[in-house]
Amino acid sequence: YLLISGCIARSLRSLGFRAQIEPVRKLKTNSAACFD
């Protein structure tokens, strides 16, 4: 995940977006939505 996200984040940054990679965390949500 980190390797692939690194490729995407570098691409977005090179295009002018302030993309950040989130740290490791335990997911605490009951939402059915991925983008929650």
PDB file of all heavy atoms in Angstrom:
ATOM      1  N   TYR A   1       0.838  -1.201   0.000  1.00  0.00           N
ATOM      2  CA  TYR A   1       0.000   0.000   0.000  1.00  0.00           C
ATOM      3  C   TYR A   1       0.873   1.251   0.000  1.00  0.00           C
ATOM      4  O   TYR A   1       0.615   2.197  -0.747  1.00  0.00           O
ATOM      5  CB  TYR A   1      -0.897   0.016   1.250  1.00  0.00           C
ATOM      6  CG  TYR A   1      -2.323  -0.400   1.008  1.00  0.00           C
ATOM      7  CD1 TYR A   1      -2.662  -1.745   0.876  1.00  0.00           C
ATOM      8  CD2 TYR A   1      -3.349   0.535   0.927  1.00  0.00           C
ATOM      9  CE1 TYR A   1      -3.971  -2.132   0.664  1.00  0.00           C
ATOM     10  CE2 TYR A   1      -4.657   0.157   0.716  1.00  0.00           C
ATOM     11  CZ  TYR A   1      -4.962  -1.188   0.587  1.00  0.00           C
ATOM     12  OH  TYR A   1      -6.261  -1.566   0.372  1.00  0.00           O
ATOM     13  N   LEU A   2       1.888   1.264   0.842  1.00  0.00           N
ATOM     14  CA  LEU A   2       2.765   2.434   0.937  1.00  0.00           C
ATOM     15  C   LEU A   2       3.512   2.659  -0.372  1.00  0.00           C
ATOM     16  O   LEU A   2       3.644   3.807  -0.833  1.00  0.00           O
ATOM     17  CB  LEU A   2       3.755   2.255   2.085  1.00  0.00           C
ATOM     18  CG  LEU A   2       4.751   3.399   2.304  1.00  0.00           C
ATOM     19  CD1 LEU A   2       4.025   4.715   2.547  1.00  0.00           C
ATOM     20  CD2 LEU A   2       5.685   3.077   3.460  1.00  0.00           C
ATOM     21  N   LEU A   3       3.982   1.582  -0.986  1.00  0.00           N
ATOM     22  CA  LEU A   3       4.720   1.695  -2.247  1.00  0.00           C
ATOM     23  C   LEU A   3       3.839   2.301  -3.341  1.00  0.00           C
ATOM     24  O   LEU A   3       4.246   3.224  -4.056  1.00  0.00           O
ATOM     25  CB  LEU A   3       5.210   0.312  -2.673  1.00  0.00           C
ATOM     26  CG  LEU A   3       6.124   0.263  -3.893  1.00  0.00           C
ATOM     27  CD1 LEU A   3       7.467   0.905  -3.573  1.00  0.00           C
ATOM     28  CD2 LEU A   3       6.330  -1.191  -4.334  1.00  0.00           C
ATOM     29  N   ILE A   4       2.611   1.788  -3.469  1.00  0.00           N
ATOM     30  CA  ILE A   4       1.695   2.264  -4.509  1.00  0.00           C
ATOM     31  C   ILE A   4       1.220   3.681  -4.197  1.00  0.00           C
ATOM     32  O   ILE A   4       1.182   4.544  -5.080  1.00  0.00           O
ATOM     33  CB  ILE A   4       0.520   1.290  -4.658  1.00  0.00           C
ATOM     34  CG1 ILE A   4       1.032  -0.068  -5.166  1.00  0.00           C
ATOM     35  CG2 ILE A   4      -0.543   1.853  -5.601  1.00  0.00           C
ATOM     36  CD1 ILE A   4       0.016  -1.197  -5.068  1.00  0.00           C
ATOM     37  N   SER A   5       0.885   3.932  -2.939  1.00  0.00           N
ATOM     38  CA  SER A   5       0.464   5.289  -2.563  1.00  0.00           C
ATOM     39  C   SER A   5       1.581   6.297  -2.793  1.00  0.00           C
ATOM     40  O   SER A   5       1.315   7.454  -3.147  1.00  0.00           O
ATOM     41  CB  SER A   5       0.027   5.323  -1.098  1.00  0.00           C
ATOM     42  OG  SER A   5      -1.222   4.684  -0.940  1.00  0.00           O
ATOM     43  N   GLY A   6       2.816   5.856  -2.624  1.00  0.00           N
ATOM     44  CA  GLY A   6       3.940   6.749  -2.879  1.00  0.00           C
ATOM     45  C   GLY A   6       3.975   7.200  -4.331  1.00  0.00           C
ATOM     46  O   GLY A   6       4.200   8.382  -4.617  1.00  0.00           O
ATOM     47  N   CYS A   7       3.722   6.268  -5.248  1.00  0.00           N
ATOM     48  CA  CYS A   7       3.690   6.618  -6.676  1.00  0.00           C
ATOM     49  C   CYS A   7       2.586   7.631  -6.954  1.00  0.00           C
ATOM     50  O   CYS A   7       2.786   8.618  -7.667  1.00  0.00           O
ATOM     51  CB  CYS A   7       3.469   5.366  -7.525  1.00  0.00           C
ATOM     52  SG  CYS A   7       4.825   4.173  -7.499  1.00  0.00           S
ATOM     53  N   ILE A   8       1.405   7.375  -6.392  1.00  0.00           N
ATOM     54  CA  ILE A   8       0.265   8.259  -6.649  1.00  0.00           C
ATOM     55  C   ILE A   8       0.484   9.628  -6.020  1.00  0.00           C
ATOM     56  O   ILE A   8       0.243  10.669  -6.646  1.00  0.00           O
ATOM     57  CB  ILE A   8      -1.030   7.620  -6.126  1.00  0.00           C
ATOM     58  CG1 ILE A   8      -1.300   6.293  -6.853  1.00  0.00           C
ATOM     59  CG2 ILE A   8      -2.209   8.566  -6.304  1.00  0.00           C
ATOM     60  CD1 ILE A   8      -2.440   5.490  -6.260  1.00  0.00           C
ATOM     61  N   ALA A   9       0.963   9.650  -4.779  1.00  0.00           N
ATOM     62  CA  ALA A   9       1.173  10.924  -4.090  1.00  0.00           C
ATOM     63  C   ALA A   9       2.229  11.766  -4.799  1.00  0.00           C
ATOM     64  O   ALA A   9       2.061  12.990  -4.953  1.00  0.00           O
ATOM     65  CB  ALA A   9       1.572  10.676  -2.643  1.00  0.00           C
ATOM     66  N   ARG A  10       3.322  11.159  -5.239  1.00  0.00           N
ATOM     67  CA  ARG A  10       4.364  11.919  -5.948  1.00  0.00           C
ATOM     68  C   ARG A  10       3.811  12.505  -7.242  1.00  0.00           C
ATOM     69  O   ARG A  10       4.135  13.638  -7.612  1.00  0.00           O
ATOM     70  CB  ARG A  10       5.571  11.028  -6.233  1.00  0.00           C
ATOM     71  CG  ARG A  10       6.396  10.709  -5.000  1.00  0.00           C
ATOM     72  CD  ARG A  10       7.743  10.093  -5.365  1.00  0.00           C
ATOM     73  NE  ARG A  10       7.601   8.840  -6.097  1.00  0.00           N
ATOM     74  CZ  ARG A  10       7.462   7.649  -5.516  1.00  0.00           C
ATOM     75  NH1 ARG A  10       7.432   7.552  -4.187  1.00  0.00           N
ATOM     76  NH2 ARG A  10       7.367   6.555  -6.232  1.00  0.00           N
ATOM     77  N   SER A  11       2.995  11.724  -7.938  1.00  0.00           N
ATOM     78  CA  SER A  11       2.386  12.224  -9.170  1.00  0.00           C
ATOM     79  C   SER A  11       1.500  13.429  -8.879  1.00  0.00           C
ATOM     80  O   SER A  11       1.590  14.468  -9.560  1.00  0.00           O
ATOM     81  CB  SER A  11       1.566  11.114  -9.836  1.00  0.00           C
ATOM     82  OG  SER A  11       0.844  11.607 -10.936  1.00  0.00           O
ATOM     83  N   LEU A  12       0.639  13.302  -7.879  1.00  0.00           N
ATOM     84  CA  LEU A  12      -0.256  14.413  -7.546  1.00  0.00           C
ATOM     85  C   LEU A  12       0.521  15.657  -7.124  1.00  0.00           C
ATOM     86  O   LEU A  12       0.190  16.781  -7.526  1.00  0.00           O
ATOM     87  CB  LEU A  12      -1.225  13.988  -6.446  1.00  0.00           C
ATOM     88  CG  LEU A  12      -2.274  12.935  -6.840  1.00  0.00           C
ATOM     89  CD1 LEU A  12      -3.081  12.511  -5.618  1.00  0.00           C
ATOM     90  CD2 LEU A  12      -3.199  13.460  -7.933  1.00  0.00           C
ATOM     91  N   ARG A  13       1.571  15.464  -6.348  1.00  0.00           N
ATOM     92  CA  ARG A  13       2.374  16.613  -5.912  1.00  0.00           C
ATOM     93  C   ARG A  13       3.048  17.289  -7.102  1.00  0.00           C
ATOM     94  O   ARG A  13       3.143  18.524  -7.160  1.00  0.00           O
ATOM     95  CB  ARG A  13       3.414  16.166  -4.893  1.00  0.00           C
ATOM     96  CG  ARG A  13       2.843  15.784  -3.534  1.00  0.00           C
ATOM     97  CD  ARG A  13       3.908  15.129  -2.683  1.00  0.00           C
ATOM     98  NE  ARG A  13       3.351  14.532  -1.486  1.00  0.00           N
ATOM     99  CZ  ARG A  13       3.906  13.506  -0.844  1.00  0.00           C
ATOM    100  NH1 ARG A  13       5.057  12.985  -1.276  1.00  0.00           N
ATOM    101  NH2 ARG A  13       3.347  13.022   0.242  1.00  0.00           N
ATOM    102  N   SER A  14       3.530  16.479  -8.043  1.00  0.00           N
ATOM    103  CA  SER A  14       4.201  17.058  -9.213  1.00  0.00           C
ATOM    104  C   SER A  14       3.247  17.883 -10.059  1.00  0.00           C
ATOM    105  O   SER A  14       3.670  18.771 -10.804  1.00  0.00           O
ATOM    106  CB  SER A  14       4.829  15.951 -10.066  1.00  0.00           C
ATOM    107  OG  SER A  14       3.847  15.231 -10.795  1.00  0.00           O
ATOM    108  N   LEU A  15       1.954  17.601  -9.923  1.00  0.00           N
ATOM    109  CA  LEU A  15       0.931  18.331 -10.659  1.00  0.00           C
ATOM    110  C   LEU A  15       0.386  19.526  -9.873  1.00  0.00           C
ATOM    111  O   LEU A  15      -0.495  20.239 -10.345  1.00  0.00           O
ATOM    112  CB  LEU A  15      -0.221  17.390 -11.023  1.00  0.00           C
ATOM    113  CG  LEU A  15       0.113  16.327 -12.068  1.00  0.00           C
ATOM    114  CD1 LEU A  15      -0.960  15.242 -12.089  1.00  0.00           C
ATOM    115  CD2 LEU A  15       0.268  16.951 -13.450  1.00  0.00           C
ATOM    116  N   GLY A  16       0.886  19.712  -8.664  1.00  0.00           N
ATOM    117  CA  GLY A  16       0.498  20.875  -7.879  1.00  0.00           C
ATOM    118  C   GLY A  16      -0.486  20.611  -6.756  1.00  0.00           C
ATOM    119  O   GLY A  16      -0.905  21.555  -6.079  1.00  0.00           O
ATOM    120  N   PHE A  17      -0.851  19.343  -6.517  1.00  0.00           N
ATOM    121  CA  PHE A  17      -1.773  19.018  -5.430  1.00  0.00           C
ATOM    122  C   PHE A  17      -0.987  18.737  -4.147  1.00  0.00           C
ATOM    123  O   PHE A  17       0.069  18.112  -4.181  1.00  0.00           O
ATOM    124  CB  PHE A  17      -2.609  17.783  -5.799  1.00  0.00           C
ATOM    125  CG  PHE A  17      -3.497  17.988  -6.999  1.00  0.00           C
ATOM    126  CD1 PHE A  17      -3.098  17.535  -8.250  1.00  0.00           C
ATOM    127  CD2 PHE A  17      -4.712  18.639  -6.879  1.00  0.00           C
ATOM    128  CE1 PHE A  17      -3.900  17.724  -9.364  1.00  0.00           C
ATOM    129  CE2 PHE A  17      -5.528  18.828  -7.980  1.00  0.00           C
ATOM    130  CZ  PHE A  17      -5.124  18.365  -9.240  1.00  0.00           C
ATOM    131  N   ARG A  18      -1.530  19.149  -3.027  1.00  0.00           N
ATOM    132  CA  ARG A  18      -0.839  18.979  -1.741  1.00  0.00           C
ATOM    133  C   ARG A  18      -1.228  17.630  -1.127  1.00  0.00           C
ATOM    134  O   ARG A  18      -1.855  17.541  -0.072  1.00  0.00           O
ATOM    135  CB  ARG A  18      -1.178  20.142  -0.820  1.00  0.00           C
ATOM    136  CG  ARG A  18      -0.738  21.483  -1.381  1.00  0.00           C
ATOM    137  CD  ARG A  18      -1.221  22.649  -0.547  1.00  0.00           C
ATOM    138  NE  ARG A  18      -0.641  22.646   0.791  1.00  0.00           N
ATOM    139  CZ  ARG A  18      -0.943  23.525   1.729  1.00  0.00           C
ATOM    140  NH1 ARG A  18      -1.840  24.478   1.473  1.00  0.00           N
ATOM    141  NH2 ARG A  18      -0.388  23.460   2.912  1.00  0.00           N
ATOM    142  N   ALA A  19      -0.856  16.583  -1.813  1.00  0.00           N
ATOM    143  CA  ALA A  19      -1.239  15.229  -1.403  1.00  0.00           C
ATOM    144  C   ALA A  19      -0.367  14.741  -0.256  1.00  0.00           C
ATOM    145  O   ALA A  19       0.857  14.932  -0.255  1.00  0.00           O
ATOM    146  CB  ALA A  19      -1.115  14.273  -2.584  1.00  0.00           C
ATOM    147  N   GLN A  20      -1.007  14.081   0.715  1.00  0.00           N
ATOM    148  CA  GLN A  20      -0.312  13.515   1.863  1.00  0.00           C
ATOM    149  C   GLN A  20      -0.684  12.037   2.010  1.00  0.00           C
ATOM    150  O   GLN A  20      -1.812  11.651   1.701  1.00  0.00           O
ATOM    151  CB  GLN A  20      -0.697  14.265   3.139  1.00  0.00           C
ATOM    152  CG  GLN A  20      -0.347  15.734   3.129  1.00  0.00           C
ATOM    153  CD  GLN A  20       1.160  15.974   3.132  1.00  0.00           C
ATOM    154  OE1 GLN A  20       1.915  15.235   3.770  1.00  0.00           O
ATOM    155  NE2 GLN A  20       1.601  16.990   2.422  1.00  0.00           N
ATOM    156  N   ILE A  21       0.254  11.250   2.500  1.00  0.00           N
ATOM    157  CA  ILE A  21      -0.006   9.843   2.796  1.00  0.00           C
ATOM    158  C   ILE A  21      -0.293   9.713   4.278  1.00  0.00           C
ATOM    159  O   ILE A  21       0.522  10.125   5.117  1.00  0.00           O
ATOM    160  CB  ILE A  21       1.189   8.953   2.391  1.00  0.00           C
ATOM    161  CG1 ILE A  21       1.441   9.069   0.878  1.00  0.00           C
ATOM    162  CG2 ILE A  21       0.927   7.506   2.778  1.00  0.00           C
ATOM    163  CD1 ILE A  21       2.674   8.306   0.412  1.00  0.00           C
ATOM    164  N   GLU A  22      -1.441   9.175   4.603  1.00  0.00           N
ATOM    165  CA  GLU A  22      -1.835   9.062   6.003  1.00  0.00           C
ATOM    166  C   GLU A  22      -0.999   8.003   6.729  1.00  0.00           C
ATOM    167  O   GLU A  22      -0.562   7.023   6.128  1.00  0.00           O
ATOM    168  CB  GLU A  22      -3.320   8.688   6.099  1.00  0.00           C
ATOM    169  CG  GLU A  22      -4.247   9.797   5.620  1.00  0.00           C
ATOM    170  CD  GLU A  22      -4.111  11.053   6.461  1.00  0.00           C
ATOM    171  OE1 GLU A  22      -4.365  10.991   7.671  1.00  0.00           O
ATOM    172  OE2 GLU A  22      -3.749  12.110   5.884  1.00  0.00           O
ATOM    173  N   PRO A  23      -0.752   8.172   8.024  1.00  0.00           N
ATOM    174  CA  PRO A  23       0.042   7.200   8.787  1.00  0.00           C
ATOM    175  C   PRO A  23      -0.743   5.917   9.045  1.00  0.00           C
ATOM    176  O   PRO A  23      -1.946   5.839   8.774  1.00  0.00           O
ATOM    177  CB  PRO A  23       0.313   7.947  10.098  1.00  0.00           C
ATOM    178  CG  PRO A  23      -0.857   8.869  10.240  1.00  0.00           C
ATOM    179  CD  PRO A  23      -1.196   9.304   8.845  1.00  0.00           C
ATOM    180  N   VAL A  24      -0.048   4.934   9.573  1.00  0.00           N
ATOM    181  CA  VAL A  24      -0.704   3.677   9.961  1.00  0.00           C
ATOM    182  C   VAL A  24      -1.688   3.969  11.085  1.00  0.00           C
ATOM    183  O   VAL A  24      -1.372   4.676  12.043  1.00  0.00           O
ATOM    184  CB  VAL A  24       0.338   2.645  10.435  1.00  0.00           C
ATOM    185  CG1 VAL A  24      -0.352   1.399  10.980  1.00  0.00           C
ATOM    186  CG2 VAL A  24       1.264   2.269   9.288  1.00  0.00           C
ATOM    187  N   ARG A  25      -2.892   3.444  10.938  1.00  0.00           N
ATOM    188  CA  ARG A  25      -3.908   3.654  11.974  1.00  0.00           C
ATOM    189  C   ARG A  25      -4.876   2.482  11.973  1.00  0.00           C
ATOM    190  O   ARG A  25      -5.054   1.800  10.971  1.00  0.00           O
ATOM    191  CB  ARG A  25      -4.665   4.948  11.716  1.00  0.00           C
ATOM    192  CG  ARG A  25      -5.322   5.053  10.333  1.00  0.00           C
ATOM    193  CD  ARG A  25      -6.431   6.097  10.339  1.00  0.00           C
ATOM    194  NE  ARG A  25      -5.944   7.400  10.713  1.00  0.00           N
ATOM    195  CZ  ARG A  25      -5.666   8.374   9.855  1.00  0.00           C
ATOM    196  NH1 ARG A  25      -5.841   8.150   8.572  1.00  0.00           N
ATOM    197  NH2 ARG A  25      -5.232   9.548  10.262  1.00  0.00           N
ATOM    198  N   LYS A  26      -5.489   2.263  13.125  1.00  0.00           N
ATOM    199  CA  LYS A  26      -6.554   1.270  13.216  1.00  0.00           C
ATOM    200  C   LYS A  26      -7.852   1.938  12.787  1.00  0.00           C
ATOM    201  O   LYS A  26      -8.211   3.008  13.284  1.00  0.00           O
ATOM    202  CB  LYS A  26      -6.672   0.729  14.645  1.00  0.00           C
ATOM    203  CG  LYS A  26      -5.499  -0.146  15.066  1.00  0.00           C
ATOM    204  CD  LYS A  26      -5.726  -0.745  16.443  1.00  0.00           C
ATOM    205  CE  LYS A  26      -4.569  -1.667  16.835  1.00  0.00           C
ATOM    206  NZ  LYS A  26      -4.775  -2.264  18.188  1.00  0.00           N
ATOM    207  N   LEU A  27      -8.541   1.302  11.862  1.00  0.00           N
ATOM    208  CA  LEU A  27      -9.770   1.875  11.328  1.00  0.00           C
ATOM    209  C   LEU A  27     -10.911   1.661  12.317  1.00  0.00           C
ATOM    210  O   LEU A  27     -11.245   0.538  12.653  1.00  0.00           O
ATOM    211  CB  LEU A  27     -10.107   1.218   9.989  1.00  0.00           C
ATOM    212  CG  LEU A  27     -11.190   1.882   9.149  1.00  0.00           C
ATOM    213  CD1 LEU A  27     -10.787   3.298   8.776  1.00  0.00           C
ATOM    214  CD2 LEU A  27     -11.456   1.060   7.891  1.00  0.00           C
ATOM    215  N   LYS A  28     -11.487   2.761  12.797  1.00  0.00           N
ATOM    216  CA  LYS A  28     -12.579   2.686  13.760  1.00  0.00           C
ATOM    217  C   LYS A  28     -13.806   3.353  13.166  1.00  0.00           C
ATOM    218  O   LYS A  28     -14.027   4.553  13.334  1.00  0.00           O
ATOM    219  CB  LYS A  28     -12.190   3.364  15.079  1.00  0.00           C
ATOM    220  CG  LYS A  28     -11.030   2.679  15.800  1.00  0.00           C
ATOM    221  CD  LYS A  28     -10.694   3.394  17.101  1.00  0.00           C
ATOM    222  CE  LYS A  28      -9.541   2.714  17.823  1.00  0.00           C
ATOM    223  NZ  LYS A  28      -9.196   3.423  19.093  1.00  0.00           N
ATOM    224  N   THR A  29     -14.582   2.592  12.418  1.00  0.00           N
ATOM    225  CA  THR A  29     -15.797   3.116  11.811  1.00  0.00           C
ATOM    226  C   THR A  29     -16.745   1.980  11.496  1.00  0.00           C
ATOM    227  O   THR A  29     -16.310   0.877  11.174  1.00  0.00           O
ATOM    228  CB  THR A  29     -15.479   3.908  10.526  1.00  0.00           C
ATOM    229  OG1 THR A  29     -16.713   4.373   9.955  1.00  0.00           O
ATOM    230  CG2 THR A  29     -14.776   3.034   9.501  1.00  0.00           C
ATOM    231  N   ASN A  30     -18.017   2.267  11.610  1.00  0.00           N
ATOM    232  CA  ASN A  30     -19.040   1.310  11.206  1.00  0.00           C
ATOM    233  C   ASN A  30     -19.664   1.695   9.870  1.00  0.00           C
ATOM    234  O   ASN A  30     -20.617   1.062   9.416  1.00  0.00           O
ATOM    235  CB  ASN A  30     -20.140   1.231  12.274  1.00  0.00           C
ATOM    236  CG  ASN A  30     -19.631   0.649  13.580  1.00  0.00           C
ATOM    237  OD1 ASN A  30     -18.858  -0.303  13.577  1.00  0.00           O
ATOM    238  ND2 ASN A  30     -20.048   1.228  14.696  1.00  0.00           N
ATOM    239  N   SER A  31     -19.131   2.725   9.239  1.00  0.00           N
ATOM    240  CA  SER A  31     -19.703   3.215   7.993  1.00  0.00           C
ATOM    241  C   SER A  31     -19.491   2.215   6.859  1.00  0.00           C
ATOM    242  O   SER A  31     -18.446   1.566   6.764  1.00  0.00           O
ATOM    243  CB  SER A  31     -19.080   4.556   7.609  1.00  0.00           C
ATOM    244  OG  SER A  31     -19.543   4.986   6.356  1.00  0.00           O
ATOM    245  N   ALA A  32     -20.473   2.143   5.971  1.00  0.00           N
ATOM    246  CA  ALA A  32     -20.353   1.302   4.783  1.00  0.00           C
ATOM    247  C   ALA A  32     -19.567   1.997   3.675  1.00  0.00           C
ATOM    248  O   ALA A  32     -19.236   1.377   2.667  1.00  0.00           O
ATOM    249  CB  ALA A  32     -21.745   0.940   4.268  1.00  0.00           C
ATOM    250  N   ALA A  33     -19.261   3.290   3.866  1.00  0.00           N
ATOM    251  CA  ALA A  33     -18.630   4.095   2.821  1.00  0.00           C
ATOM    252  C   ALA A  33     -17.110   4.093   2.946  1.00  0.00           C
ATOM    253  O   ALA A  33     -16.559   4.420   3.999  1.00  0.00           O
ATOM    254  CB  ALA A  33     -19.149   5.535   2.879  1.00  0.00           C
ATOM    255  N   CYS A  34     -16.436   3.772   1.862  1.00  0.00           N
ATOM    256  CA  CYS A  34     -14.973   3.771   1.850  1.00  0.00           C
ATOM    257  C   CYS A  34     -14.403   5.144   2.164  1.00  0.00           C
ATOM    258  O   CYS A  34     -13.398   5.275   2.862  1.00  0.00           O
ATOM    259  CB  CYS A  34     -14.490   3.303   0.477  1.00  0.00           C
ATOM    260  SG  CYS A  34     -12.718   3.483   0.193  1.00  0.00           S
ATOM    261  N   PHE A  35     -15.058   6.202   1.657  1.00  0.00           N
ATOM    262  CA  PHE A  35     -14.503   7.551   1.799  1.00  0.00           C
ATOM    263  C   PHE A  35     -14.920   8.237   3.091  1.00  0.00           C
ATOM    264  O   PHE A  35     -14.686   9.426   3.279  1.00  0.00           O
ATOM    265  CB  PHE A  35     -14.864   8.395   0.569  1.00  0.00           C
ATOM    266  CG  PHE A  35     -13.972   8.108  -0.602  1.00  0.00           C
ATOM    267  CD1 PHE A  35     -14.221   7.044  -1.439  1.00  0.00           C
ATOM    268  CD2 PHE A  35     -12.856   8.893  -0.850  1.00  0.00           C
ATOM    269  CE1 PHE A  35     -13.394   6.762  -2.523  1.00  0.00           C
ATOM    270  CE2 PHE A  35     -12.012   8.626  -1.922  1.00  0.00           C
ATOM    271  CZ  PHE A  35     -12.287   7.555  -2.763  1.00  0.00           C
ATOM    272  N   ASP A  36     -15.497   7.470   4.011  1.00  0.00           N
ATOM    273  CA  ASP A  36     -15.809   8.002   5.336  1.00  0.00           C
ATOM    274  C   ASP A  36     -14.538   8.269   6.132  1.00  0.00           C
ATOM    275  O   ASP A  36     -14.462   9.216   6.913  1.00  0.00           O
ATOM    276  CB  ASP A  36     -16.707   7.011   6.075  1.00  0.00           C
ATOM    277  CG  ASP A  36     -16.892   7.360   7.538  1.00  0.00           C
ATOM    278  OD1 ASP A  36     -17.682   8.273   7.831  1.00  0.00           O
ATOM    279  OD2 ASP A  36     -16.231   6.722   8.380  1.00  0.00           O
TER     280      ASP A  36
END
